[in-house]
Protein backbone atom coordinates (compact mmCIF):
# COMPACT_ATOMS: atom_id res chain seq x y z
CA UNK A 1 -3.90 -92.59 65.56
CA UNK A 2 -5.17 -96.07 64.71
CA UNK A 3 -8.64 -94.59 64.22
CA UNK A 4 -7.35 -91.79 61.97
CA UNK A 5 -5.19 -94.18 59.96
CA UNK A 6 -8.06 -96.60 59.35
CA UNK A 7 -10.27 -93.77 58.18
CA UNK A 8 -7.53 -92.49 55.85
CA UNK A 9 -7.48 -89.13 57.61
CA UNK A 10 -3.71 -88.68 57.87
CA UNK A 11 -2.08 -86.96 54.91
CA UNK A 12 1.20 -86.22 56.66
CA UNK A 13 2.67 -85.77 60.12
CA UNK A 14 5.73 -83.85 61.23
CA UNK A 15 6.73 -86.70 63.56
CA UNK A 16 4.51 -89.78 63.34
CA UNK A 17 6.37 -91.66 66.06
CA UNK A 18 6.45 -88.62 68.34
CA UNK A 19 2.76 -87.81 67.93
CA UNK A 20 1.75 -91.45 68.42
CA UNK A 21 3.83 -91.60 71.62
CA UNK A 22 2.40 -88.28 72.83
CA UNK A 23 -1.19 -89.41 72.33
CA UNK A 24 -0.56 -92.75 74.05
CA UNK A 25 0.89 -91.10 77.16
CA UNK A 26 -1.62 -88.35 77.95
CA UNK A 27 -4.62 -86.31 76.90
CA UNK A 28 -3.20 -83.45 74.85
CA UNK A 29 -4.43 -80.02 73.75
CA UNK A 30 -4.67 -79.45 69.99
CA UNK A 31 -6.17 -76.83 67.72
CA UNK A 32 -7.43 -76.13 64.23
CA UNK A 33 -8.20 -72.72 62.72
CA UNK A 34 -11.16 -71.70 60.59
CA UNK A 35 -10.91 -68.37 58.78
CA UNK A 36 -14.26 -66.58 58.42
CA UNK A 37 -13.99 -65.86 54.68
CA UNK A 38 -17.78 -66.36 54.43
CA UNK A 39 -20.70 -66.24 56.84
CA UNK A 40 -20.98 -70.03 56.80
CA UNK A 41 -18.64 -72.99 56.85
CA UNK A 42 -18.96 -75.45 53.95
CA UNK A 43 -18.44 -79.19 53.56
CA UNK A 44 -14.76 -78.62 52.79
CA UNK A 45 -14.31 -77.36 56.37
CA UNK A 46 -15.88 -80.47 57.84
CA UNK A 47 -12.93 -82.87 57.72
CA UNK A 48 -10.75 -80.84 60.14
CA UNK A 49 -13.77 -79.86 62.22
CA UNK A 50 -15.00 -83.44 62.57
CA UNK A 51 -11.44 -84.58 63.27
CA UNK A 52 -11.38 -82.15 66.21
CA UNK A 53 -14.60 -83.79 67.36
CA UNK A 54 -13.01 -87.24 67.10
CA UNK A 55 -10.14 -86.07 69.33
CA UNK A 56 -12.60 -84.61 71.86
CA UNK A 57 -14.68 -87.80 71.95
CA UNK A 58 -11.49 -89.71 72.77
CA UNK A 59 -10.79 -87.42 75.73
CA UNK A 60 -8.42 -84.79 74.33
CA UNK A 61 -8.73 -81.03 74.80
CA UNK A 62 -9.56 -79.19 71.59
CA UNK A 63 -9.34 -75.52 70.66
CA UNK A 64 -11.39 -74.23 67.73
CA UNK A 65 -9.94 -71.00 66.40
CA UNK A 66 -12.10 -68.48 64.55
CA UNK A 67 -9.61 -66.37 62.61
CA UNK A 68 -10.70 -62.80 63.19
CA UNK A 69 -7.12 -61.66 62.51
CA UNK A 70 -5.95 -64.14 59.86
CA UNK A 71 -9.30 -63.83 58.07
CA UNK A 72 -8.63 -60.14 57.53
CA UNK A 73 -5.47 -61.03 55.56
CA UNK A 74 -6.41 -64.13 53.58
CA UNK A 75 -4.46 -67.36 53.32
CA UNK A 76 -2.67 -67.77 49.97
CA UNK A 77 -2.50 -71.56 50.40
CA UNK A 78 -4.11 -73.41 47.53
CA UNK A 79 -5.13 -70.22 45.73
CA UNK A 80 -4.00 -68.88 42.37
CA UNK A 81 -5.06 -65.28 43.05
CA UNK A 82 -5.38 -62.97 46.02
CA UNK A 83 -8.59 -63.06 48.01
CA UNK A 84 -10.72 -59.96 48.09
CA UNK A 85 -10.16 -58.30 51.45
CA UNK A 86 -13.24 -58.16 53.67
CA UNK A 87 -14.40 -55.04 55.49
CA UNK A 88 -14.16 -55.12 59.28
CA UNK A 89 -17.96 -55.15 59.53
CA UNK A 90 -18.33 -58.17 57.23
CA UNK A 91 -15.45 -59.94 58.94
CA UNK A 92 -16.99 -59.43 62.41
CA UNK A 93 -20.32 -60.73 61.17
CA UNK A 94 -18.68 -63.77 59.58
CA UNK A 95 -16.75 -64.52 62.79
CA UNK A 96 -19.96 -64.58 64.82
CA UNK A 97 -21.64 -66.88 62.27
CA UNK A 98 -18.68 -69.28 62.22
CA UNK A 99 -18.52 -69.33 66.02
CA UNK A 100 -22.17 -70.44 66.18
CA UNK A 101 -21.55 -73.23 63.68
CA UNK A 102 -18.45 -74.46 65.49
CA UNK A 103 -20.43 -74.74 68.71
CA UNK A 104 -22.80 -77.23 67.04
CA UNK A 105 -20.03 -79.77 66.50
CA UNK A 106 -17.91 -79.46 69.61
CA UNK A 107 -19.01 -79.67 73.24
CA UNK A 108 -18.06 -76.36 74.82
CA UNK A 109 -20.05 -76.81 78.03
CA UNK A 110 -20.05 -80.25 79.59
CA UNK A 111 -17.81 -83.19 80.34
CA UNK A 112 -14.24 -83.44 81.61
CA UNK A 113 -12.72 -81.94 78.45
CA UNK A 114 -14.91 -79.08 77.16
CA UNK A 115 -13.76 -77.50 73.91
CA UNK A 116 -12.65 -73.88 73.89
CA UNK A 117 -13.47 -71.33 71.22
CA UNK A 118 -10.77 -68.72 70.61
CA UNK A 119 -10.35 -65.80 68.20
CA UNK A 120 -6.84 -64.75 67.17
CA UNK A 121 -7.98 -61.14 66.89
CA UNK A 122 -7.93 -60.98 70.71
CA UNK A 123 -4.16 -61.47 70.92
CA UNK A 124 -3.17 -59.91 67.61
CA UNK A 125 -5.05 -56.62 68.06
CA UNK A 126 -2.75 -55.26 70.83
CA UNK A 127 0.36 -55.73 68.64
CA UNK A 128 1.76 -52.66 66.95
CA UNK A 129 3.28 -53.18 63.53
CA UNK A 130 6.79 -52.49 64.82
CA UNK A 131 6.38 -54.76 67.83
CA UNK A 132 5.26 -57.62 65.59
CA UNK A 133 8.21 -57.14 63.25
CA UNK A 134 10.66 -57.02 66.18
CA UNK A 135 9.18 -59.82 68.29
CA UNK A 136 7.99 -62.23 65.61
CA UNK A 137 9.29 -61.21 62.20
CA UNK A 138 12.93 -61.35 63.27
CA UNK A 139 12.66 -65.13 63.68
CA UNK A 140 11.66 -65.71 60.05
CA UNK A 141 14.03 -66.20 57.15
CA UNK A 142 12.63 -64.89 53.88
CA UNK A 143 14.56 -67.68 52.13
CA UNK A 144 12.66 -70.27 54.18
CA UNK A 145 9.31 -68.56 53.61
CA UNK A 146 9.83 -68.46 49.85
CA UNK A 147 10.59 -72.19 49.88
CA UNK A 148 7.13 -72.99 51.33
CA UNK A 149 4.86 -74.52 48.70
CA UNK A 150 1.98 -72.09 49.35
CA UNK A 151 4.29 -69.14 48.62
CA UNK A 152 6.45 -70.72 45.91
CA UNK A 153 3.43 -71.62 43.78
CA UNK A 154 2.22 -68.04 43.81
CA UNK A 155 5.65 -66.57 43.12
CA UNK A 156 5.77 -68.50 39.87
CA UNK A 157 2.21 -67.59 38.86
CA UNK A 158 1.12 -64.66 36.70
CA UNK A 159 -0.51 -62.90 39.66
CA UNK A 160 2.41 -63.24 42.06
CA UNK A 161 1.85 -62.66 45.78
CA UNK A 162 1.34 -59.45 47.74
CA UNK A 163 3.22 -58.58 50.92
CA UNK A 164 -0.12 -58.85 52.76
CA UNK A 165 -0.60 -62.49 51.84
CA UNK A 166 3.10 -63.20 52.21
CA UNK A 167 2.81 -62.16 55.86
CA UNK A 168 -0.08 -64.57 56.56
CA UNK A 169 2.34 -67.32 57.51
CA UNK A 170 3.71 -65.20 60.35
CA UNK A 171 0.26 -64.70 61.83
CA UNK A 172 -0.68 -68.38 61.82
CA UNK A 173 2.74 -69.33 63.13
CA UNK A 174 2.32 -66.94 66.04
CA UNK A 175 -1.14 -68.40 66.77
CA UNK A 176 0.49 -71.78 67.44
CA UNK A 177 3.06 -70.21 69.78
CA UNK A 178 0.43 -68.21 71.65
CA UNK A 179 -1.88 -71.22 72.10
CA UNK A 180 1.02 -73.30 73.38
CA UNK A 181 1.96 -70.61 75.90
CA UNK A 182 -1.62 -69.94 77.08
CA UNK A 183 -3.21 -73.39 76.88
CA UNK A 184 -0.36 -75.89 76.52
CA UNK A 185 -1.39 -76.67 72.93
CA UNK A 186 1.06 -79.16 71.40
CA UNK A 187 -0.57 -80.23 68.14
CA UNK A 188 -2.05 -78.33 65.21
CA UNK A 189 -4.19 -80.06 62.58
CA UNK A 190 -5.33 -78.74 59.20
CA UNK A 191 -5.72 -79.56 55.54
CA UNK A 192 -2.65 -80.69 53.64
CA UNK A 193 -2.37 -77.21 52.11
CA UNK A 194 -1.59 -75.93 55.64
CA UNK A 195 1.69 -77.84 55.94
CA UNK A 196 3.85 -74.76 55.40
CA UNK A 197 1.91 -72.66 57.91
CA UNK A 198 1.94 -75.45 60.52
CA UNK A 199 5.68 -76.10 60.26
CA UNK A 200 6.32 -72.35 60.39
CA UNK A 201 4.56 -72.28 63.77
CA UNK A 202 6.66 -75.20 64.99
CA UNK A 203 9.88 -73.44 63.94
CA UNK A 204 8.79 -70.18 65.57
CA UNK A 205 7.94 -71.91 68.85
CA UNK A 206 11.35 -73.58 68.91
CA UNK A 207 13.08 -70.24 68.41
CA UNK A 208 10.94 -68.18 70.78
CA UNK A 209 10.35 -70.68 73.60
CA UNK A 210 12.50 -73.74 72.94
CA UNK A 211 9.33 -75.89 72.82
CA UNK A 212 8.81 -78.79 70.43
CA UNK A 213 5.38 -78.78 68.81
CA UNK A 214 3.75 -81.14 66.30
CA UNK A 215 1.66 -80.93 63.16
CA UNK A 216 -0.73 -83.33 61.46
CA UNK A 217 -2.36 -82.67 58.12
CA UNK A 218 -5.55 -84.14 56.73
CA UNK A 219 -6.32 -85.00 53.10
CA UNK A 220 -7.74 -82.37 50.78
CA UNK A 221 -10.59 -84.19 49.13
CA UNK A 222 -11.02 -84.56 45.40
CA UNK A 223 -13.86 -86.37 43.70
CA UNK A 224 -13.12 -89.57 41.81
CA UNK A 225 -13.10 -87.50 38.61
CA UNK A 226 -10.40 -85.17 40.01
CA UNK A 227 -12.63 -82.14 40.69
CA UNK A 228 -12.63 -80.37 44.03
CA UNK A 229 -14.94 -81.99 46.56
CA UNK A 230 -17.66 -79.85 48.10
CA UNK A 231 -18.49 -77.90 44.96
CA UNK A 232 -21.98 -78.39 43.62
CA UNK A 233 -25.12 -76.51 42.71
CA UNK A 234 -23.03 -73.75 41.15
CA UNK A 235 -20.87 -73.16 44.22
CA UNK A 236 -19.81 -74.40 47.64
CA UNK A 237 -22.14 -76.64 49.64
CA UNK A 238 -22.70 -74.63 52.82
CA UNK A 239 -23.78 -75.76 56.28
CA UNK A 240 -26.16 -72.80 56.61
CA UNK A 241 -29.61 -73.94 55.36
CA UNK A 242 -30.28 -70.42 54.10
CA UNK A 243 -27.35 -70.78 51.68
CA UNK A 244 -27.72 -74.48 50.82
CA UNK A 245 -31.15 -75.88 51.66
CA UNK A 246 -31.42 -79.07 53.71
CA UNK A 247 -32.88 -80.85 50.68
CA UNK A 248 -30.00 -79.82 48.44
CA UNK A 249 -27.52 -80.70 51.19
CA UNK A 250 -29.03 -84.20 51.40
CA UNK A 251 -28.99 -84.49 47.61
CA UNK A 252 -25.30 -83.55 47.49
CA UNK A 253 -24.39 -86.60 49.56
CA UNK A 254 -26.87 -89.01 47.96
CA UNK A 255 -25.39 -88.20 44.54
CA UNK A 256 -21.69 -88.71 45.30
CA UNK A 257 -19.78 -90.93 42.91
CA UNK A 258 -20.04 -94.67 43.62
CA UNK A 259 -16.24 -94.79 43.76
CA UNK A 260 -16.16 -92.23 46.60
CA UNK A 261 -19.01 -93.26 48.89
CA UNK A 262 -17.15 -95.66 51.21
CA UNK A 263 -14.21 -93.27 51.53
CA UNK A 264 -16.61 -90.47 52.46
CA UNK A 265 -18.35 -92.65 55.05
CA UNK A 266 -14.94 -93.11 56.71
CA UNK A 267 -13.96 -89.45 56.46
CA UNK A 268 -17.19 -87.79 57.48
CA UNK A 269 -19.37 -90.07 59.59
CA UNK A 270 -19.04 -91.47 63.09
CA UNK A 271 -20.22 -94.92 62.04
CA UNK A 272 -18.05 -97.71 63.41
CA UNK A 273 -15.58 -99.75 61.40
CA UNK A 274 -17.97 -102.72 61.50
CA UNK A 275 -20.89 -100.64 60.24
CA UNK A 276 -18.89 -99.15 57.37
CA UNK A 277 -17.45 -102.53 56.37
CA UNK A 278 -20.98 -103.95 56.25
CA UNK A 279 -22.12 -101.04 54.06
CA UNK A 280 -19.08 -101.59 51.85
CA UNK A 281 -20.00 -105.25 51.38
CA UNK A 282 -23.60 -104.31 50.56
CA UNK A 283 -22.38 -101.67 48.12
CA UNK A 284 -20.15 -104.21 46.35
CA UNK A 285 -22.92 -106.79 46.15
CA UNK A 286 -25.78 -104.50 45.14
CA UNK A 287 -24.67 -100.97 44.23
CA UNK A 288 -28.03 -100.14 42.62
CA UNK A 289 -29.68 -100.26 46.08
CA UNK A 290 -27.52 -97.26 47.07
CA UNK A 291 -27.57 -98.26 50.72
CA UNK A 292 -24.16 -96.70 51.34
CA UNK A 293 -25.27 -93.45 49.71
CA UNK A 294 -28.45 -93.33 51.78
CA UNK A 295 -26.48 -93.97 54.97
CA UNK A 296 -23.99 -91.23 54.10
CA UNK A 297 -26.69 -88.70 53.23
CA UNK A 298 -28.70 -89.53 56.35
CA UNK A 299 -25.73 -89.37 58.74
CA UNK A 300 -24.39 -86.10 57.35
CA UNK A 301 -27.74 -84.31 57.12
CA UNK A 302 -28.72 -85.42 60.63
CA UNK A 303 -25.37 -84.30 61.99
CA UNK A 304 -25.63 -80.82 60.45
CA UNK A 305 -29.38 -80.15 60.46
CA UNK A 306 -30.96 -82.54 62.95
CA UNK A 307 -33.33 -85.50 62.71
CA UNK A 308 -36.55 -83.64 61.86
CA UNK A 309 -35.03 -81.65 58.99
CA UNK A 310 -33.37 -84.82 57.71
CA UNK A 311 -36.65 -86.70 57.59
CA UNK A 312 -38.19 -83.76 55.69
CA UNK A 313 -35.35 -83.92 53.17
CA UNK A 314 -35.79 -87.69 52.77
CA UNK A 315 -39.53 -87.27 52.16
CA UNK A 316 -38.81 -84.53 49.63
CA UNK A 317 -36.31 -86.77 47.85
CA UNK A 318 -38.78 -89.63 47.74
CA UNK A 319 -41.30 -87.46 45.85
CA UNK A 320 -39.16 -87.77 42.73
CA UNK A 321 -39.36 -91.55 43.13
CA UNK A 322 -43.14 -91.61 43.38
CA UNK A 323 -43.44 -91.04 47.14
CA UNK A 324 -46.35 -89.26 48.78
CA UNK A 325 -46.38 -85.47 49.02
CA UNK A 326 -48.24 -85.65 52.32
CA UNK A 327 -46.51 -83.71 55.09
CA UNK A 328 -43.98 -82.02 52.80
CA UNK A 329 -43.20 -78.40 53.69
CA UNK A 330 -43.50 -75.63 51.10
CA UNK A 331 -39.76 -74.92 51.38
CA UNK A 332 -38.88 -78.54 50.66
CA UNK A 333 -41.41 -78.80 47.84
CA UNK A 334 -39.90 -75.71 46.20
CA UNK A 335 -36.52 -77.47 46.29
CA UNK A 336 -38.07 -80.51 44.62
CA UNK A 337 -39.80 -78.31 42.03
CA UNK A 338 -36.47 -76.74 41.10
CA UNK A 339 -35.21 -80.17 40.02
CA UNK A 340 -37.86 -80.71 37.31
CA UNK A 341 -39.23 -78.72 34.35
CA UNK A 342 -41.44 -75.80 35.39
CA UNK A 343 -44.18 -73.99 33.49
CA UNK A 344 -46.31 -71.04 34.55
CA UNK A 345 -50.05 -70.64 34.39
CA UNK A 346 -52.31 -67.78 35.41
CA UNK A 347 -54.36 -68.42 38.55
CA UNK A 348 -57.37 -67.00 36.69
CA UNK A 349 -57.24 -69.97 34.29
CA UNK A 350 -57.94 -72.25 37.23
CA UNK A 351 -60.87 -70.27 38.60
CA UNK A 352 -64.32 -71.86 38.67
CA UNK A 353 -64.20 -75.35 37.15
CA UNK A 354 -60.66 -74.67 35.99
CA UNK A 355 -58.90 -76.41 33.11
CA UNK A 356 -59.04 -80.01 31.99
CA UNK A 357 -56.25 -82.37 33.02
CA UNK A 358 -55.68 -83.19 29.34
CA UNK A 359 -55.04 -79.52 28.50
CA UNK A 360 -52.61 -79.15 31.40
CA UNK A 361 -50.66 -82.24 30.37
CA UNK A 362 -50.10 -80.64 26.96
CA UNK A 363 -49.35 -77.23 28.51
CA UNK A 364 -46.64 -78.61 30.82
CA UNK A 365 -45.05 -80.62 28.00
CA UNK A 366 -45.67 -84.11 29.34
CA UNK A 367 -47.91 -84.98 26.36
CA UNK A 368 -47.62 -83.85 22.74
CA UNK A 369 -51.40 -83.56 22.20
CA UNK A 370 -54.73 -83.95 23.97
CA UNK A 371 -55.20 -87.20 22.10
CA UNK A 372 -51.93 -88.56 23.49
CA UNK A 373 -52.86 -87.23 26.94
CA UNK A 374 -56.17 -89.12 26.79
CA UNK A 375 -54.35 -92.38 25.92
CA UNK A 376 -51.84 -91.89 28.75
CA UNK A 377 -54.58 -91.23 31.31
CA UNK A 378 -56.60 -94.26 30.16
CA UNK A 379 -53.44 -96.41 30.34
CA UNK A 380 -52.90 -95.39 33.99
CA UNK A 381 -49.67 -93.53 33.34
CA UNK A 382 -50.65 -90.07 34.61
CA UNK A 383 -50.29 -88.89 38.21
CA UNK A 384 -51.42 -85.73 40.00
CA UNK A 385 -49.44 -85.05 43.20
CA UNK A 386 -48.07 -88.61 42.74
CA UNK A 387 -51.57 -90.13 42.88
CA UNK A 388 -52.71 -91.98 39.75
CA UNK A 389 -55.48 -90.15 37.88
CA UNK A 390 -57.67 -92.32 35.59
CA UNK A 391 -60.47 -89.86 34.89
CA UNK A 392 -60.14 -88.36 31.40
CA UNK A 393 -62.86 -85.83 32.34
CA UNK A 394 -60.91 -84.59 35.35
CA UNK A 395 -60.94 -80.81 35.77
CA UNK A 396 -58.19 -79.03 37.68
CA UNK A 397 -59.06 -75.90 39.64
CA UNK A 398 -57.41 -73.65 42.20
CA UNK A 399 -58.45 -75.98 45.03
CA UNK A 400 -56.07 -78.63 43.62
CA UNK A 401 -53.02 -76.37 44.04
CA UNK A 402 -50.41 -77.34 46.60
CA UNK A 403 -49.64 -74.40 48.91
CA UNK A 404 -52.05 -72.40 46.80
CA UNK A 405 -49.72 -72.22 43.79
CA UNK A 406 -48.25 -75.57 42.61
CA UNK A 407 -49.42 -78.55 40.58
CA UNK A 408 -47.16 -81.62 40.46
CA UNK A 409 -47.81 -83.73 37.37
CA UNK A 410 -46.10 -86.98 36.42
CA UNK A 411 -46.09 -89.27 33.42
CA UNK A 412 -44.81 -92.79 33.95
CA UNK A 413 -42.17 -93.37 36.63
CA UNK A 414 -39.78 -90.46 36.22
CA UNK A 415 -41.22 -87.73 33.94
CA UNK A 416 -42.25 -84.84 36.16
CA UNK A 417 -43.42 -81.31 35.56
CA UNK A 418 -44.55 -78.54 37.89
CA UNK A 419 -47.09 -75.91 36.98
CA UNK A 420 -46.82 -72.73 39.03
CA UNK A 421 -49.91 -70.54 39.23
CA UNK A 422 -49.22 -66.80 39.20
CA UNK A 423 -51.63 -64.03 40.14
């Protein structure tokens, strides 16, 4: 609890004194659920997932729940409109993808306290509708359900709430009871928008089994400007590199607001208090060095994608600061190219001796005229693949293309352009 408090990871707790006492007396079992609404988790899922990892590293037994059942309904918490229901085929595919990602963060195989991956579809599927209403639904007061923030907000909205979403609370509540009965789970963690669902599970357990359970919620992150954290590049920042490339993932963290970077180091990384305090002092003294940002981006990218991919992303990022293009992969270079102005050129124009550098500088928009291009080359301000080019007679042909199709041109320190050769 001291660790979570220092990192600012406690939004609320159903019984702070009780949970603190529980954790000081024994190694407990706790869980957190992840609904497979997409085929990849995103950075918004990382705070509860990494908090599970913190508990496991400190010796506790963690359950990661992939919501095959709850995901088919859709949680109304924090939403202004109903989710689009997924087909069973899509849901099954998403569950398998999420399971694979969960296994990269938690140790399911070794040590004295291996994590356990569970799917609530396995215990919900045998229920008939009538059995669920009789065995579970009878313990819920509609008055109490309506009072929950996640439901109340939707009741007063233009869209309202469907019976399907209204029943979501019952499913998550029963998950808590089932996991307590089967695995001795005593604590559920989740984002602060899960408070109503967590307390519903505690109430249900008390009524069905007479057992006292606990809940702990984690902060829902907002950027310093009040926008939802984890949204960038036109959408969510995913953990799957096929949905958000490693380069763009690295860039997301390196570009966080100066006001947020130390908070995010506490929330997301496993750096020690001493390491983060040192980075905080460096950030205060010399924010332009961006040492805290680089540490955050490195730690997060390495955690999600591994050391090799992280180094590739760092090299790709350095290209836009004049770094060498040597060793960069085509995939990473394409990510870099997407960050700067692009122009197209026919590959036939580069056949034989090709085109003059001066012409290409005008074509890509870095220079207004060939005369200006000549002056810029003579002044040492023109770079080809980040290598200074001083020859005003320089001809560019197909053999100069990176990966057989790209030319990276630069004027001065920061003005880049990419020419892409098409067949």
